[in-house]
C-alpha atoms as a PDB file:
ATOM      1  CA  MET A   1       0.000   0.000   0.000  1.00  0.00           C
ATOM      2  CA  GLY A   2       1.412   3.410  -0.946  1.00  0.00           C
ATOM      3  CA  LYS A   3       1.984   6.136   1.627  1.00  0.00           C
ATOM      4  CA  THR A   4      -0.074   9.319   1.681  1.00  0.00           C
ATOM      5  CA  PHE A   5       1.910  12.502   2.247  1.00  0.00           C
ATOM      6  CA  CYS A   6       0.559  15.831   3.447  1.00  0.00           C
ATOM      7  CA  LYS A   7       2.057  18.590   1.331  1.00  0.00           C
ATOM      8  CA  VAL A   8       2.767  21.647   3.436  1.00  0.00           C
ATOM      9  CA  ARG A   9       2.571  24.717   1.223  1.00  0.00           C
ATOM     10  CA  PHE A  10       3.489  28.126   2.620  1.00  0.00           C
ATOM     11  CA  PRO A  11       4.053  31.167   0.407  1.00  0.00           C
ATOM     12  CA  PRO A  12       7.466  32.848   0.640  1.00  0.00           C
ATOM     13  CA  VAL A  13       7.526  34.965   3.800  1.00  0.00           C
ATOM     14  CA  CYS A  14       8.264  38.061   1.717  1.00  0.00           C
ATOM     15  CA  GLN A  15       4.621  37.876   0.604  1.00  0.00           C
ATOM     16  CA  ALA A  16       3.330  38.538   4.139  1.00  0.00           C
ATOM     17  CA  SER A  17       1.169  41.617   4.604  1.00  0.00           C
ATOM     18  CA  GLU A  18       2.360  44.716   6.434  1.00  0.00           C
ATOM     19  CA  GLY A  19       0.838  43.244   9.589  1.00  0.00           C
ATOM     20  CA  GLY A  20       2.657  39.952   9.073  1.00  0.00           C
ATOM     21  CA  LEU A  21      -0.260  37.847   7.793  1.00  0.00           C
ATOM     22  CA  LEU A  22       1.107  35.264   5.369  1.00  0.00           C
ATOM     23  CA  MET A  23      -1.827  32.954   4.669  1.00  0.00           C
ATOM     24  CA  VAL A  24      -5.153  31.632   5.934  1.00  0.00           C
ATOM     25  CA  GLY A  25      -5.956  27.940   5.976  1.00  0.00           C
ATOM     26  CA  GLY A  26      -3.773  24.876   6.247  1.00  0.00           C
ATOM     27  CA  GLN A  27      -3.774  22.323   9.037  1.00  0.00           C
ATOM     28  CA  LEU A  28      -2.781  22.189  12.703  1.00  0.00           C
ATOM     29  CA  THR A  29      -0.751  19.023  12.324  1.00  0.00           C
ATOM     30  CA  THR A  30       2.749  18.331  13.576  1.00  0.00           C
ATOM     31  CA  GLU A  31       4.075  18.492  10.012  1.00  0.00           C
ATOM     32  CA  TRP A  32       2.519  21.885   9.331  1.00  0.00           C
ATOM     33  CA  LEU A  33       3.616  23.358  12.665  1.00  0.00           C
ATOM     34  CA  LEU A  34       7.228  22.175  12.486  1.00  0.00           C
ATOM     35  CA  THR A  35       7.543  23.295   8.884  1.00  0.00           C
ATOM     36  CA  ALA A  36       6.166  26.702   9.827  1.00  0.00           C
ATOM     37  CA  TYR A  37       8.517  27.305  12.752  1.00  0.00           C
ATOM     38  CA  ARG A  38      11.533  26.211  10.748  1.00  0.00           C
ATOM     39  CA  ARG A  39      10.624  28.862   8.165  1.00  0.00           C
ATOM     40  CA  GLY A  40      10.018  31.671  10.639  1.00  0.00           C
ATOM     41  CA  ILE A  41       6.226  31.327  10.517  1.00  0.00           C
ATOM     42  CA  PHE A  42       3.834  30.805  13.424  1.00  0.00           C
ATOM     43  CA  PRO A  43       0.075  30.133  13.728  1.00  0.00           C
ATOM     44  CA  TRP A  44      -2.200  32.789  15.182  1.00  0.00           C
ATOM     45  CA  PRO A  45      -5.798  31.563  14.892  1.00  0.00           C
ATOM     46  CA  ILE A  46      -8.834  33.758  15.325  1.00  0.00           C
ATOM     47  CA  TYR A  47     -11.424  32.323  17.713  1.00  0.00           C
ATOM     48  CA  ASP A  48     -14.470  33.958  19.315  1.00  0.00           C
ATOM     49  CA  GLY A  49     -16.062  30.868  20.835  1.00  0.00           C
ATOM     50  CA  GLN A  50     -17.766  29.843  17.603  1.00  0.00           C
ATOM     51  CA  THR A  51     -15.564  30.715  14.623  1.00  0.00           C
ATOM     52  CA  ASP A  52     -12.114  29.138  14.363  1.00  0.00           C
ATOM     53  CA  ILE A  53     -10.005  30.581  11.518  1.00  0.00           C
ATOM     54  CA  LEU A  54      -6.439  29.345  11.117  1.00  0.00           C
ATOM     55  CA  ALA A  55      -4.014  32.104  10.115  1.00  0.00           C
ATOM     56  CA  TRP A  56      -0.204  32.063   9.764  1.00  0.00           C
ATOM     57  CA  PHE A  57       2.123  35.002  10.377  1.00  0.00           C
ATOM     58  CA  SER A  58       5.693  36.065   9.681  1.00  0.00           C
ATOM     59  CA  PRO A  59       6.021  39.691  10.833  1.00  0.00           C
ATOM     60  CA  ASP A  60       8.730  42.127   9.813  1.00  0.00           C
ATOM     61  CA  PRO A  61      10.346  43.232  12.062  1.00  0.00           C
ATOM     62  CA  ARG A  62      10.465  40.240  14.406  1.00  0.00           C
ATOM     63  CA  ALA A  63      10.691  40.507  18.190  1.00  0.00           C
ATOM     64  CA  ILE A  64      13.335  38.507  20.031  1.00  0.00           C
ATOM     65  CA  LEU A  65      14.672  38.421  23.555  1.00  0.00           C
ATOM     66  CA  GLU A  66      18.448  38.267  23.651  1.00  0.00           C
ATOM     67  CA  LEU A  67      19.305  35.670  26.257  1.00  0.00           C
ATOM     68  CA  ASP A  68      21.929  37.882  27.885  1.00  0.00           C
ATOM     69  CA  ARG A  69      19.685  40.969  28.017  1.00  0.00           C
ATOM     70  CA  LEU A  70      16.703  39.954  30.109  1.00  0.00           C
ATOM     71  CA  HIS A  71      16.135  42.687  32.707  1.00  0.00           C
ATOM     72  CA  VAL A  72      15.018  42.096  36.314  1.00  0.00           C
ATOM     73  CA  SER A  73      14.322  44.692  38.980  1.00  0.00           C
ATOM     74  CA  HIS A  74      15.833  44.572  42.446  1.00  0.00           C
ATOM     75  CA  ARG A  75      12.369  43.777  43.764  1.00  0.00           C
ATOM     76  CA  LEU A  76      12.077  40.778  41.469  1.00  0.00           C
ATOM     77  CA  GLN A  77      15.537  39.583  42.464  1.00  0.00           C
ATOM     78  CA  ARG A  78      14.385  39.694  46.078  1.00  0.00           C
ATOM     79  CA  ARG A  79      11.303  37.705  45.072  1.00  0.00           C
ATOM     80  CA  LEU A  80      13.496  35.082  43.421  1.00  0.00           C
ATOM     81  CA  ARG A  81      15.664  34.801  46.517  1.00  0.00           C
ATOM     82  CA  SER A  82      12.658  34.514  48.813  1.00  0.00           C
ATOM     83  CA  ASN A  83      11.781  30.959  47.724  1.00  0.00           C
ATOM     84  CA  ARG A  84       8.119  31.978  47.662  1.00  0.00           C
ATOM     85  CA  PHE A  85       7.635  29.914  44.510  1.00  0.00           C
ATOM     86  CA  ARG A  86       8.626  26.427  43.401  1.00  0.00           C
ATOM     87  CA  VAL A  87       9.574  26.056  39.735  1.00  0.00           C
ATOM     88  CA  THR A  88       9.463  22.958  37.517  1.00  0.00           C
ATOM     89  CA  LEU A  89      10.062  22.083  33.874  1.00  0.00           C
ATOM     90  CA  ASP A  90       7.544  20.060  31.832  1.00  0.00           C
ATOM     91  CA  ALA A  91       5.646  18.988  34.951  1.00  0.00           C
ATOM     92  CA  ASP A  92       2.158  20.037  33.764  1.00  0.00           C
ATOM     93  CA  PHE A  93       2.252  21.271  30.174  1.00  0.00           C
ATOM     94  CA  ARG A  94      -1.464  20.831  29.593  1.00  0.00           C
ATOM     95  CA  SER A  95      -2.399  23.004  32.588  1.00  0.00           C
ATOM     96  CA  VAL A  96       0.018  25.750  31.521  1.00  0.00           C
ATOM     97  CA  ILE A  97      -1.393  25.999  28.002  1.00  0.00           C
ATOM     98  CA  ALA A  98      -4.953  25.869  29.370  1.00  0.00           C
ATOM     99  CA  ALA A  99      -4.181  28.782  31.695  1.00  0.00           C
ATOM    100  CA  CYS A 100      -2.572  30.742  28.865  1.00  0.00           C
ATOM    101  CA  ALA A 101      -5.678  30.136  26.753  1.00  0.00           C
ATOM    102  CA  GLU A 102      -8.064  31.678  29.265  1.00  0.00           C
ATOM    103  CA  ALA A 103      -9.628  34.869  27.893  1.00  0.00           C
ATOM    104  CA  ARG A 104      -8.208  38.005  29.521  1.00  0.00           C
ATOM    105  CA  GLY A 105     -11.667  39.541  30.003  1.00  0.00           C
ATOM    106  CA  PRO A 106     -15.348  39.303  28.984  1.00  0.00           C
ATOM    107  CA  GLU A 107     -14.753  41.191  25.732  1.00  0.00           C
ATOM    108  CA  GLU A 108     -11.603  39.308  24.769  1.00  0.00           C
ATOM    109  CA  GLY A 109     -11.177  36.047  22.948  1.00  0.00           C
ATOM    110  CA  THR A 110      -8.063  33.914  22.805  1.00  0.00           C
ATOM    111  CA  TRP A 111      -5.782  32.946  19.949  1.00  0.00           C
ATOM    112  CA  ILE A 112      -5.026  29.642  21.705  1.00  0.00           C
ATOM    113  CA  THR A 113      -7.985  27.759  20.288  1.00  0.00           C
ATOM    114  CA  PRO A 114      -8.902  24.264  21.520  1.00  0.00           C
ATOM    115  CA  HIS A 115      -7.482  22.773  18.313  1.00  0.00           C
ATOM    116  CA  LEU A 116      -4.244  24.716  18.662  1.00  0.00           C
ATOM    117  CA  ALA A 117      -3.872  23.695  22.304  1.00  0.00           C
ATOM    118  CA  GLU A 118      -4.251  20.025  21.398  1.00  0.00           C
ATOM    119  CA  ALA A 119      -1.695  20.407  18.607  1.00  0.00           C
ATOM    120  CA  TYR A 120       0.862  21.781  21.082  1.00  0.00           C
ATOM    121  CA  VAL A 121       0.041  19.032  23.584  1.00  0.00           C
ATOM    122  CA  GLU A 122       0.943  16.555  20.841  1.00  0.00           C
ATOM    123  CA  LEU A 123       4.201  18.440  20.201  1.00  0.00           C
ATOM    124  CA  HIS A 124       4.892  18.215  23.920  1.00  0.00           C
ATOM    125  CA  ARG A 125       4.311  14.478  23.792  1.00  0.00           C
ATOM    126  CA  LEU A 126       6.867  14.315  20.982  1.00  0.00           C
ATOM    127  CA  GLY A 127       9.418  16.276  23.039  1.00  0.00           C
ATOM    128  CA  VAL A 128       9.243  19.497  21.000  1.00  0.00           C
ATOM    129  CA  ALA A 129       6.993  21.759  23.100  1.00  0.00           C
ATOM    130  CA  HIS A 130       7.968  22.560  26.687  1.00  0.00           C
ATOM    131  CA  SER A 131       6.679  24.410  29.712  1.00  0.00           C
ATOM    132  CA  VAL A 132       7.940  26.097  32.847  1.00  0.00           C
ATOM    133  CA  GLU A 133       5.560  25.903  35.798  1.00  0.00           C
ATOM    134  CA  VAL A 134       5.540  28.167  38.857  1.00  0.00           C
ATOM    135  CA  TRP A 135       3.859  26.819  41.984  1.00  0.00           C
ATOM    136  CA  ARG A 136       2.771  28.340  45.292  1.00  0.00           C
ATOM    137  CA  GLU A 137       2.673  25.267  47.478  1.00  0.00           C
ATOM    138  CA  ASP A 138       0.617  22.862  45.309  1.00  0.00           C
ATOM    139  CA  ARG A 139      -1.208  25.535  43.277  1.00  0.00           C
ATOM    140  CA  LEU A 140      -0.118  26.449  39.739  1.00  0.00           C
ATOM    141  CA  VAL A 141       0.223  30.247  39.786  1.00  0.00           C
ATOM    142  CA  GLY A 142       2.274  31.016  36.672  1.00  0.00           C
ATOM    143  CA  GLY A 143       4.036  29.589  33.680  1.00  0.00           C
ATOM    144  CA  VAL A 144       5.272  29.883  30.124  1.00  0.00           C
ATOM    145  CA  TYR A 145       5.413  27.487  27.179  1.00  0.00           C
ATOM    146  CA  GLY A 146       6.976  27.282  23.738  1.00  0.00           C
ATOM    147  CA  LEU A 147       8.809  25.123  21.201  1.00  0.00           C
ATOM    148  CA  ALA A 148      12.450  24.079  21.113  1.00  0.00           C
ATOM    149  CA  LEU A 149      14.140  23.206  17.822  1.00  0.00           C
ATOM    150  CA  GLY A 150      17.917  22.930  17.849  1.00  0.00           C
ATOM    151  CA  GLY A 151      19.205  26.088  19.550  1.00  0.00           C
ATOM    152  CA  PHE A 152      15.978  27.973  18.797  1.00  0.00           C
ATOM    153  CA  PHE A 153      13.163  28.514  21.289  1.00  0.00           C
ATOM    154  CA  ALA A 154       9.832  29.985  20.190  1.00  0.00           C
ATOM    155  CA  GLY A 155       8.099  31.496  23.197  1.00  0.00           C
ATOM    156  CA  GLU A 156       4.337  31.268  22.754  1.00  0.00           C
ATOM    157  CA  SER A 157       2.538  32.538  25.835  1.00  0.00           C
ATOM    158  CA  MET A 158       2.770  32.991  29.595  1.00  0.00           C
ATOM    159  CA  PHE A 159       0.327  33.611  32.435  1.00  0.00           C
ATOM    160  CA  HIS A 160       0.232  34.561  36.095  1.00  0.00           C
ATOM    161  CA  ARG A 161      -2.251  34.147  38.924  1.00  0.00           C
ATOM    162  CA  GLU A 162      -0.004  35.775  41.508  1.00  0.00           C
ATOM    163  CA  ARG A 163       2.167  38.834  41.154  1.00  0.00           C
ATOM    164  CA  ASP A 164       5.586  38.109  39.627  1.00  0.00           C
ATOM    165  CA  ALA A 165       4.781  34.457  38.869  1.00  0.00           C
ATOM    166  CA  SER A 166       5.122  34.804  35.079  1.00  0.00           C
ATOM    167  CA  LYS A 167       8.314  36.843  35.527  1.00  0.00           C
ATOM    168  CA  VAL A 168       9.766  34.098  37.675  1.00  0.00           C
ATOM    169  CA  ALA A 169       8.878  31.583  34.950  1.00  0.00           C
ATOM    170  CA  LEU A 170      10.577  33.743  32.330  1.00  0.00           C
ATOM    171  CA  VAL A 171      13.757  34.146  34.377  1.00  0.00           C
ATOM    172  CA  HIS A 172      14.018  30.403  34.861  1.00  0.00           C
ATOM    173  CA  LEU A 173      13.319  29.753  31.193  1.00  0.00           C
ATOM    174  CA  VAL A 174      16.025  32.148  30.024  1.00  0.00           C
ATOM    175  CA  ARG A 175      18.567  30.705  32.458  1.00  0.00           C
ATOM    176  CA  HIS A 176      17.704  27.191  31.343  1.00  0.00           C
ATOM    177  CA  LEU A 177      18.036  28.084  27.655  1.00  0.00           C
ATOM    178  CA  GLN A 178      21.436  29.654  28.315  1.00  0.00           C
ATOM    179  CA  SER A 179      22.634  26.601  30.201  1.00  0.00           C
ATOM    180  CA  GLN A 180      21.453  24.289  27.397  1.00  0.00           C
ATOM    181  CA  GLY A 181      23.214  26.145  24.589  1.00  0.00           C
ATOM    182  CA  PHE A 182      20.271  27.950  22.975  1.00  0.00           C
ATOM    183  CA  VAL A 183      21.085  31.093  20.991  1.00  0.00           C
ATOM    184  CA  LEU A 184      17.743  32.477  19.759  1.00  0.00           C
ATOM    185  CA  PHE A 185      14.601  33.210  21.783  1.00  0.00           C
ATOM    186  CA  ASP A 186      11.716  34.319  19.564  1.00  0.00           C
ATOM    187  CA  VAL A 187       8.906  36.303  21.202  1.00  0.00           C
ATOM    188  CA  GLN A 188       7.244  37.167  17.874  1.00  0.00           C
ATOM    189  CA  GLN A 189       5.885  40.647  18.596  1.00  0.00           C
ATOM    190  CA  ALA A 190       7.233  43.382  20.869  1.00  0.00           C
ATOM    191  CA  SER A 191       4.460  44.259  23.301  1.00  0.00           C
ATOM    192  CA  PRO A 192       5.216  47.056  25.793  1.00  0.00           C
ATOM    193  CA  HIS A 193       5.450  44.446  28.542  1.00  0.00           C
ATOM    194  CA  LEU A 194       8.048  42.395  26.647  1.00  0.00           C
ATOM    195  CA  VAL A 195      10.011  45.504  25.726  1.00  0.00           C
ATOM    196  CA  ARG A 196      10.295  46.320  29.420  1.00  0.00           C
ATOM    197  CA  MET A 197      11.680  42.827  29.890  1.00  0.00           C
ATOM    198  CA  GLY A 198      14.366  43.507  27.301  1.00  0.00           C
ATOM    199  CA  ALA A 199      12.767  42.382  24.037  1.00  0.00           C
ATOM    200  CA  THR A 200      13.972  44.048  20.865  1.00  0.00           C
ATOM    201  CA  GLU A 201      13.022  43.963  17.186  1.00  0.00           C
ATOM    202  CA  VAL A 202      15.209  42.817  14.289  1.00  0.00           C
ATOM    203  CA  PRO A 203      14.497  42.795  10.538  1.00  0.00           C
ATOM    204  CA  ARG A 204      12.891  39.560   9.367  1.00  0.00           C
ATOM    205  CA  ASN A 205      15.870  38.744   7.120  1.00  0.00           C
ATOM    206  CA  GLU A 206      18.202  38.963  10.113  1.00  0.00           C
ATOM    207  CA  PHE A 207      15.854  36.822  12.173  1.00  0.00           C
ATOM    208  CA  LEU A 208      15.714  34.171   9.439  1.00  0.00           C
ATOM    209  CA  ALA A 209      19.512  34.068   9.165  1.00  0.00           C
ATOM    210  CA  ARG A 210      19.826  33.628  12.922  1.00  0.00           C
ATOM    211  CA  LEU A 211      17.058  31.033  12.863  1.00  0.00           C
ATOM    212  CA  LYS A 212      18.901  28.977  10.238  1.00  0.00           C
ATOM    213  CA  HIS A 213      22.041  29.006  12.367  1.00  0.00           C
ATOM    214  CA  ALA A 214      20.153  28.138  15.559  1.00  0.00           C
ATOM    215  CA  LEU A 215      18.296  25.207  13.999  1.00  0.00           C
ATOM    216  CA  ASP A 216      21.606  23.548  13.129  1.00  0.00           C
ATOM    217  CA  LEU A 217      22.878  23.581  16.716  1.00  0.00           C
ATOM    218  CA  PRO A 218      22.848  20.405  18.838  1.00  0.00           C
ATOM    219  CA  ALA A 219      21.145  22.077  21.821  1.00  0.00           C
ATOM    220  CA  SER A 220      18.537  20.169  23.807  1.00  0.00           C
ATOM    221  CA  PHE A 221      15.875  21.563  26.129  1.00  0.00           C
ATOM    222  CA  THR A 222      15.583  18.437  28.219  1.00  0.00           C
ATOM    223  CA  ASP A 223      18.185  17.066  30.599  1.00  0.00           C
ATOM    224  CA  SER A 224      18.213  15.198  33.891  1.00  0.00           C
ATOM    225  CA  THR A 225      17.907  18.376  36.009  1.00  0.00           C
ATOM    226  CA  ARG A 226      14.316  19.259  36.837  1.00  0.00           C
ATOM    227  CA  ALA A 227      14.465  22.992  37.532  1.00  0.00           C
ATOM    228  CA  THR A 228      14.785  23.359  41.271  1.00  0.00           C
ATOM    229  CA  GLY A 229      17.795  25.580  41.931  1.00  0.00           C
ATOM    230  CA  LEU A 230      17.580  28.032  39.074  1.00  0.00           C
ATOM    231  CA  ALA A 231      16.006  30.821  41.136  1.00  0.00           C
ATOM    232  CA  ARG A 232      19.381  31.507  42.666  1.00  0.00           C
ATOM    233  CA  GLN A 233      20.735  32.790  39.344  1.00  0.00           C
ATOM    234  CA  PRO A 234      18.649  35.861  38.424  1.00  0.00           C
ATOM    235  CA  GLN A 235      19.739  38.687  36.153  1.00  0.00           C
ATOM    236  CA  ILE A 236      17.125  41.228  34.940  1.00  0.00           C
ATOM    237  CA  ALA A 237      16.012  45.172  34.954  1.00  0.00           C
ATOM    238  CA  ASP A 238      12.666  46.937  35.449  1.00  0.00           C
ATOM    239  CA  ILE A 239       9.604  44.799  34.724  1.00  0.00           C
ATOM    240  CA  GLU A 240       5.991  45.733  35.279  1.00  0.00           C
ATOM    241  CA  GLY A 241       2.870  43.645  35.362  1.00  0.00           C
ATOM    242  CA  GLY A 242       2.649  39.892  35.936  1.00  0.00           C
END
């Protein structure tokens, strides 16, 4: 019996609109997602509780967070030293993405649709998608998730239920990526919050060149250390919000 292949067809990223929209349609399969990320493209569905439209983006410029330029305030450093939170890696990926998917308010939807969430859960099962969890006792109070390919990490979303919890997750994530040999941390778009954390924008062509280099590196997100002592290694500058 012959094999059936899914042909992933993305336009060249230079055809993206001014807002970064490259195409609408396609599939939320592992093949489509991995092909997209390797080409500097990411999914950003539109979902209002009834309509689910799959859209793909490749913005120019592209926002990144240089791993040696994350900024943390003195207050946050004190929070990290306080041991208020417990931090883990890949301990509860499904709960992290579910929390990130929660609408921010009654008038807001979420781009993390149920179909997209399940697609990332499958990538997590395959060892590609990863999460950082922040706990207060046994309660999940913050976290961040994304994809790791070679020395490239695509940060997707983060959340907090207690003040500073998402910042703590981000600090631990950055420190872990540095220790594992990652060289490129994509945050896609530079929101004011991310800019305060140290995010910067680079032209898409520069991002793609750095992406190509990062994908070829033998870095690995997972090792035998499960994220307990990383809070003792903070380095950051003024951050507001969660």
